[in-house]
Protein backbone atom coordinates (compact mmCIF):
# COMPACT_ATOMS: atom_id res chain seq x y z
CA MET A 1 142.50 155.12 97.42
CA GLN A 2 139.39 153.58 96.01
CA LEU A 3 137.27 150.92 97.27
CA SER A 4 136.68 148.71 93.84
CA GLU A 5 140.54 147.89 94.13
CA PHE A 6 139.29 145.73 97.02
CA ASP A 7 136.63 144.07 95.34
CA TYR A 8 137.08 140.53 93.52
CA HIS A 9 134.37 138.11 92.34
CA LEU A 10 133.96 134.93 94.95
CA PRO A 11 131.50 131.78 93.45
CA GLU A 12 128.58 131.73 96.44
CA GLU A 13 129.71 127.97 96.34
CA LEU A 14 133.12 129.01 98.03
CA ILE A 15 131.21 129.96 100.89
CA ALA A 16 131.50 127.64 103.72
CA GLN A 17 128.51 126.72 105.07
CA THR A 18 129.74 123.83 107.64
CA PRO A 19 133.02 123.90 109.71
CA ILE A 20 135.61 120.94 109.25
CA GLU A 21 136.08 118.48 111.75
CA PRO A 22 138.55 118.47 113.09
CA ARG A 23 139.06 121.90 112.88
CA ASP A 24 142.79 121.71 112.36
CA HIS A 25 142.34 119.57 109.14
CA SER A 26 141.15 123.06 106.67
CA ARG A 27 143.30 123.72 104.44
CA LEU A 28 145.79 126.57 105.10
CA LEU A 29 147.28 128.97 102.59
CA ILE A 30 150.85 130.04 103.35
CA LEU A 31 152.14 133.32 101.72
CA ASP A 32 155.62 134.53 102.25
CA LYS A 33 155.13 138.67 101.64
CA ASP A 34 158.73 139.10 100.41
CA THR A 35 159.41 136.16 97.99
CA TRP A 36 155.73 136.65 97.66
CA GLU A 37 155.55 132.42 97.71
CA LEU A 38 152.17 130.61 98.07
CA GLN A 39 152.62 126.89 99.62
CA ASP A 40 148.81 124.96 99.52
CA LYS A 41 149.00 123.15 102.94
CA HIS A 42 146.99 121.78 106.11
CA PHE A 43 146.41 124.15 109.40
CA TYR A 44 147.89 121.45 111.37
CA ASN A 45 151.51 122.00 109.20
CA LEU A 46 152.07 125.11 111.58
CA LEU A 47 153.72 122.19 113.53
CA GLU A 48 156.42 122.59 110.57
CA GLU A 49 156.70 126.48 110.24
CA LEU A 50 156.34 127.73 114.48
CA GLY A 51 158.82 127.26 116.77
CA GLU A 52 160.41 128.12 119.97
CA ASN A 53 161.16 131.62 118.34
CA ASP A 54 157.14 132.52 117.70
CA VAL A 55 154.93 134.03 120.15
CA LEU A 56 150.91 133.54 119.05
CA VAL A 57 148.68 135.79 120.17
CA LEU A 58 144.84 135.35 120.52
CA ASN A 59 142.10 137.27 121.36
CA LYS A 60 140.37 135.49 124.36
CA THR A 61 136.67 137.65 124.00
CA LYS A 62 133.15 134.58 124.28
CA VAL A 63 130.51 134.42 121.73
CA ILE A 64 126.97 134.82 123.34
CA ASN A 65 123.43 134.15 122.50
CA ALA A 66 123.35 137.61 120.91
CA ARG A 67 120.04 136.97 118.73
CA LEU A 68 116.27 136.20 119.61
CA ILE A 69 113.80 135.70 116.91
CA TRP A 70 110.68 136.27 118.56
CA GLU A 71 107.07 135.91 117.24
CA ILE A 72 104.80 138.92 118.28
CA ASP A 73 101.84 138.28 116.02
CA TRP A 74 100.60 135.30 114.89
CA GLY A 75 103.32 134.46 111.67
CA LYS A 76 104.96 137.69 112.54
CA GLN A 77 108.21 137.87 113.50
CA VAL A 78 110.95 140.38 115.05
CA GLU A 79 114.47 139.93 115.38
CA ILE A 80 116.59 141.37 118.23
CA PHE A 81 120.25 140.76 117.92
CA LEU A 82 121.98 142.50 121.23
CA HIS A 83 125.14 144.74 120.04
CA LYS A 84 127.07 146.55 123.00
CA GLN A 85 126.04 147.20 126.89
CA ILE A 86 125.16 150.92 127.90
CA SER A 87 124.07 150.14 131.23
CA ASN A 88 123.04 147.11 133.54
CA ASN A 89 120.32 146.09 131.74
CA THR A 90 120.34 148.93 129.18
CA TRP A 91 121.57 147.59 125.45
CA ASP A 92 121.85 148.86 121.78
CA CYS A 93 120.40 146.66 119.37
CA LEU A 94 119.75 145.96 116.27
CA VAL A 95 115.95 145.35 115.57
CA TYR A 96 114.43 143.94 112.27
CA PRO A 97 111.86 144.63 111.28
CA GLY A 98 112.52 147.94 113.10
CA LYS A 99 108.80 149.28 112.80
CA LYS A 100 107.40 146.59 115.16
CA LEU A 101 109.04 148.12 117.97
CA LYS A 102 108.42 151.77 118.05
CA PRO A 103 109.74 154.18 120.65
CA TRP A 104 108.17 153.39 124.36
CA LYS A 105 106.78 149.85 123.18
CA GLU A 106 106.85 147.51 126.14
CA VAL A 107 107.34 143.84 125.23
CA LYS A 108 106.99 140.54 126.87
CA PHE A 109 108.76 137.45 126.20
CA ILE A 110 107.52 134.29 127.45
CA LEU A 111 110.77 132.20 126.54
CA ASP A 112 109.59 129.10 128.19
CA TRP A 113 107.13 127.80 130.84
CA GLU A 114 109.02 129.80 133.81
CA THR A 115 110.96 132.68 132.17
CA LYS A 116 109.58 135.75 131.22
CA LEU A 117 111.70 139.12 130.67
CA GLU A 118 110.13 141.87 129.41
CA ALA A 119 111.76 145.03 127.28
CA SER A 120 111.06 148.68 127.02
CA ILE A 121 112.10 150.73 123.57
CA LYS A 122 113.47 153.56 125.23
CA ASP A 123 115.06 155.52 121.91
CA ILE A 124 115.24 154.95 117.88
CA SER A 125 117.97 155.39 115.51
CA ASP A 126 116.92 153.96 111.65
CA LYS A 127 116.73 149.73 112.49
CA TRP A 128 118.95 150.84 115.83
CA ARG A 129 117.17 150.86 119.67
CA ILE A 130 117.90 151.49 122.75
CA VAL A 131 116.36 148.40 125.29
CA GLU A 132 115.61 148.12 128.38
CA PHE A 133 115.66 144.64 130.00
CA SER A 134 113.65 143.65 132.95
CA LYS A 135 116.64 141.14 133.91
CA TRP A 136 119.87 142.79 135.19
CA TRP A 137 123.59 141.51 133.83
CA PHE A 138 123.97 138.06 135.53
CA GLU A 139 120.43 136.89 135.05
CA PHE A 140 119.80 138.33 131.70
CA LEU A 141 123.36 136.54 130.51
CA GLU A 142 121.94 133.33 131.78
CA ILE A 143 118.78 133.73 130.63
CA VAL A 144 120.28 134.78 126.56
CA GLU A 145 122.78 132.01 127.32
CA ARG A 146 120.06 129.32 127.72
CA LEU A 147 117.45 130.57 125.62
CA TRP A 148 119.12 132.78 122.88
CA GLN A 149 120.73 131.66 120.02
CA VAL A 150 124.17 131.94 118.50
CA PRO A 151 124.70 135.21 116.10
CA LEU A 152 125.75 133.51 112.66
CA PRO A 153 127.39 135.99 110.09
CA PRO A 154 124.45 136.46 107.79
CA TYR A 155 125.77 134.67 104.82
CA ILE A 156 125.71 131.42 107.06
CA LYS A 157 122.72 129.81 105.86
CA GLU A 158 122.74 126.58 108.02
CA LYS A 159 121.57 125.70 110.94
CA LEU A 160 124.72 125.28 113.62
CA ASP A 161 123.64 121.75 115.65
CA ASP A 162 126.33 122.72 117.92
CA SER A 163 127.12 126.22 118.97
CA SER A 164 130.27 124.79 120.81
CA ARG A 165 131.86 124.86 116.96
CA TYR A 166 131.49 129.06 116.89
CA GLN A 167 133.68 129.08 120.07
CA THR A 168 137.62 128.83 120.26
CA VAL A 169 138.96 126.52 122.07
CA PHE A 170 140.36 129.40 124.63
CA ASN A 171 137.26 131.70 125.06
CA GLU A 172 137.09 133.19 128.52
CA ILE A 173 135.11 136.49 128.79
CA SER A 174 131.83 137.20 127.08
CA TRP A 175 130.84 139.84 125.04
CA SER A 176 131.25 138.94 121.15
CA VAL A 177 128.74 138.71 118.35
CA ALA A 178 131.32 137.03 116.06
CA ALA A 179 133.78 135.06 117.05
CA PRO A 180 137.79 135.78 116.18
CA THR A 181 137.40 132.96 113.97
CA ALA A 182 141.42 132.44 112.73
CA TRP A 183 141.27 130.82 115.74
CA LEU A 184 138.56 128.14 115.22
CA HIS A 185 141.17 126.37 113.59
CA PHE A 186 142.88 125.21 117.16
CA THR A 187 142.66 122.36 118.65
CA PRO A 188 143.90 121.32 121.97
CA GLU A 189 146.16 118.38 120.78
CA LEU A 190 147.19 121.79 118.13
CA ILE A 191 148.18 123.29 121.06
CA GLU A 192 150.01 121.19 123.20
CA LYS A 193 152.03 120.33 120.62
CA LEU A 194 152.94 123.38 119.86
CA GLU A 195 153.90 124.62 123.34
CA LYS A 196 155.62 121.27 123.48
CA LYS A 197 157.85 122.69 120.39
CA TRP A 198 158.65 125.89 123.15
CA VAL A 199 155.89 127.78 120.74
CA ILE A 200 154.66 130.85 123.28
CA PHE A 201 150.68 132.09 123.91
CA GLU A 202 149.64 135.38 124.92
CA LYS A 203 146.05 136.90 125.35
CA VAL A 204 144.72 140.10 124.55
CA LEU A 205 140.88 140.93 124.66
CA LEU A 206 138.60 142.74 121.77
CA HIS A 207 134.76 142.21 122.24
CA VAL A 208 133.94 141.95 118.03
CA TRP A 209 130.62 144.07 118.11
CA LEU A 210 128.31 144.42 114.78
CA GLY A 211 130.49 147.37 113.56
CA THR A 212 132.27 144.17 112.08
CA PHE A 213 129.72 143.46 109.47
CA MET A 214 129.15 146.90 108.60
CA TRP A 215 130.13 147.78 104.67
CA VAL A 216 132.11 150.60 103.42
CA GLU A 217 129.59 152.52 101.47
CA THR A 218 132.13 155.43 100.54
CA GLU A 219 134.50 155.12 97.27
CA ASN A 220 136.74 156.67 98.78
CA ILE A 221 137.62 154.99 101.77
CA LEU A 222 139.20 157.34 103.19
CA GLU A 223 135.67 158.69 103.79
CA HIS A 224 134.89 155.54 105.53
CA LYS A 225 133.62 155.82 109.22
CA MET A 226 135.72 153.26 110.84
CA HIS A 227 133.59 151.26 113.80
CA SER A 228 134.67 151.01 117.24
CA GLU A 229 135.30 147.88 119.50
CA TYR A 230 136.62 147.44 122.97
CA ILE A 231 140.24 146.48 123.41
CA GLU A 232 142.17 145.18 126.58
CA LEU A 233 145.84 144.27 127.39
CA GLU A 234 146.93 143.80 130.99
CA LYS A 235 149.87 145.25 132.34
CA ASP A 236 152.25 141.62 132.58
CA VAL A 237 150.82 140.95 128.86
CA SER A 238 152.24 143.95 127.85
CA LYS A 239 155.23 143.39 129.70
CA ARG A 240 156.27 139.86 128.16
CA LEU A 241 155.35 141.06 124.18
CA ASN A 242 157.53 143.61 124.98
CA SER A 243 160.01 141.51 126.25
CA TYR A 244 159.77 139.20 123.64
CA LYS A 245 160.02 141.79 120.89
CA GLN A 246 163.54 143.43 121.84
CA ALA A 247 164.23 139.34 121.93
CA TRP A 248 163.55 139.55 118.47
CA LYS A 249 160.82 137.00 118.57
CA ARG A 250 158.30 136.22 115.88
CA ILE A 251 154.81 138.46 116.82
CA ILE A 252 152.09 136.45 114.83
CA ALA A 253 148.74 137.72 115.26
CA VAL A 254 146.30 134.85 115.24
CA TRP A 255 143.09 136.86 113.20
CA THR A 256 142.53 140.19 112.95
CA THR A 257 141.17 141.45 116.41
CA SER A 258 144.81 140.42 117.71
CA ILE A 259 145.83 142.47 115.37
CA ARG A 260 143.56 145.52 116.05
CA VAL A 261 144.93 145.19 119.67
CA LEU A 262 148.44 145.16 119.50
CA GLU A 263 148.26 147.99 116.32
CA SER A 264 146.47 150.13 119.01
CA PHE A 265 148.41 149.73 121.89
CA ALA A 266 151.67 150.35 120.57
CA ASP A 267 153.81 153.01 119.95
CA ASP A 268 156.67 154.59 117.20
CA SER A 269 158.81 152.84 118.69
CA TRP A 270 157.72 149.59 118.76
CA MET A 271 156.39 149.12 122.45
CA LEU A 272 153.24 148.28 123.90
CA SER A 273 151.14 150.20 126.86
CA SER A 274 148.70 148.36 128.61
CA TRP A 275 145.16 149.72 129.68
CA ASN A 276 141.26 149.16 128.28
CA LYS A 277 139.97 151.53 125.80
CA GLU A 278 137.96 151.28 122.55
CA THR A 279 139.33 151.49 119.60
CA SER A 280 138.59 152.62 115.99
CA ILE A 281 142.15 152.07 114.48
CA PHE A 282 141.87 151.57 110.54
CA ILE A 283 144.53 149.83 108.85
CA TYR A 284 144.53 150.22 104.95
CA PRO A 285 147.42 150.81 102.52
CA GLY A 286 150.30 152.79 103.47
CA TYR A 287 149.52 152.14 107.45
CA SER A 288 153.45 152.08 109.26
CA TRP A 289 152.88 148.36 111.11
CA LYS A 290 154.33 148.89 114.43
CA PHE A 291 153.99 145.35 116.60
CA VAL A 292 153.12 142.68 114.05
CA ASP A 293 155.46 140.64 112.21
CA ALA A 294 152.82 137.96 110.79
CA MET A 295 149.47 136.83 111.03
CA ILE A 296 147.08 133.87 111.07
CA THR A 297 143.90 135.07 109.27
CA ASN A 298 140.75 133.93 106.86
CA PHE A 299 139.56 135.19 103.63
CA HIS A 300 137.39 138.21 104.28
CA LEU A 301 134.54 139.84 102.18
CA PRO A 302 135.06 141.89 98.68
CA LYS A 303 135.59 145.57 99.90
CA SER A 304 135.72 144.96 103.43
CA THR A 305 138.25 146.94 105.97
CA LEU A 306 139.40 143.71 107.09
CA LEU A 307 140.68 143.22 103.41
CA MET A 308 142.29 146.19 103.14
CA LEU A 309 144.32 145.43 106.67
CA ILE A 310 145.95 142.19 105.24
CA SER A 311 146.28 144.32 102.28
CA SER A 312 148.13 146.61 103.66
CA PHE A 313 150.48 143.93 105.66
CA ALA A 314 151.17 141.89 102.71
CA TRP A 315 151.36 144.76 100.10
CA LYS A 316 147.89 144.78 97.62
CA GLN A 317 148.97 142.83 94.60
CA ASN A 318 150.05 139.70 96.71
CA ILE A 319 146.61 139.87 98.35
CA LYS A 320 145.17 139.50 94.82
CA LYS A 321 147.58 136.94 93.45
CA ALA A 322 146.83 134.75 96.78
CA TYR A 323 143.22 135.20 96.62
CA GLU A 324 142.73 134.56 92.86
CA HIS A 325 144.54 131.25 93.55
CA ALA A 326 142.25 130.47 96.64
CA ILE A 327 139.60 130.28 94.38
CA ASN A 328 140.88 128.72 91.67
CA SER A 329 142.04 125.81 94.29
CA LYS A 330 138.66 125.89 95.73
CA TYR A 331 139.20 126.68 99.13
CA ARG A 332 136.71 127.97 101.25
CA PHE A 333 136.17 131.44 102.45
CA PHE A 334 134.60 133.29 105.33
CA SER A 335 133.61 132.09 108.94
CA PHE A 336 134.07 128.20 108.54
CA TRP A 337 136.99 129.46 106.27
CA ASP A 338 140.10 127.56 105.39
CA ALA A 339 142.90 129.69 106.51
CA MET A 340 146.02 131.96 105.65
CA PHE A 341 149.24 132.40 107.66
CA ILE A 342 150.92 135.62 105.89
CA LYS A 343 154.69 135.46 106.94
């Protein structure tokens, strides 16, 4: 299967730079994967689509302010992007430009008049650095949340004045460097209305790391090495989800992170187990789906593994048709996007 099969042309002006307000007034493209029918609606119209037979599964991860831009020389800056914790005070980081932070270099950040943070570069690999910080877990995270920046995706060029707009309303557990953005469309009011219709909400956990932004660089997609991400499914949640599945309720994954959790823990008998681990599941056309019945997602980047995932769920030509319709209808793409409901 060739990478070029998952390419499409997107006019730059359709890449959303600012979020819709209120959140649930974004547009919603509904795709019926069996009839191929497309409907143009708004996100609040989910009230008409969902009912007591539906279970929404969302990701409770929280985005942290993982990005620090630091002036190391007069007029020269270096960017440190936290990726993955290795120990209490040691982190795998992306550094740019890498030549400014060579191995064993000691760096002192004076972030404000009372906050000093030291870092030691322990190892090197291309742009990646293993960085040991002078502050440990809770103290370090407090500094990060107070003084670092929210790590917006590279295709968003405008500054986000309110960083809470890149958090979901159900965020609970740090450590993600990108939001489960299909969940950004939900408001407390919409959730309350859905609960009154007896729609069930369940939470799983996947921490989104930098691998989600990695390009597929092999023309044969089967040669692509998939990134790994931490996932967790609690025992009581898996029991409830299994009971819903056995009762023929519709399992609707909100964003691809929830999909990756459910499909990673599901077996061939359509049942979920529960524990925590890292997953590198790669879903592309030909995959045998085990647990997810429908999904709420975004419009994904060309040639991305996420576009391959939804092409597996709704058939590649179906997705191509839906994307052509979205482009012609001027839908907003990517993180501050409009949304899709594939049922």
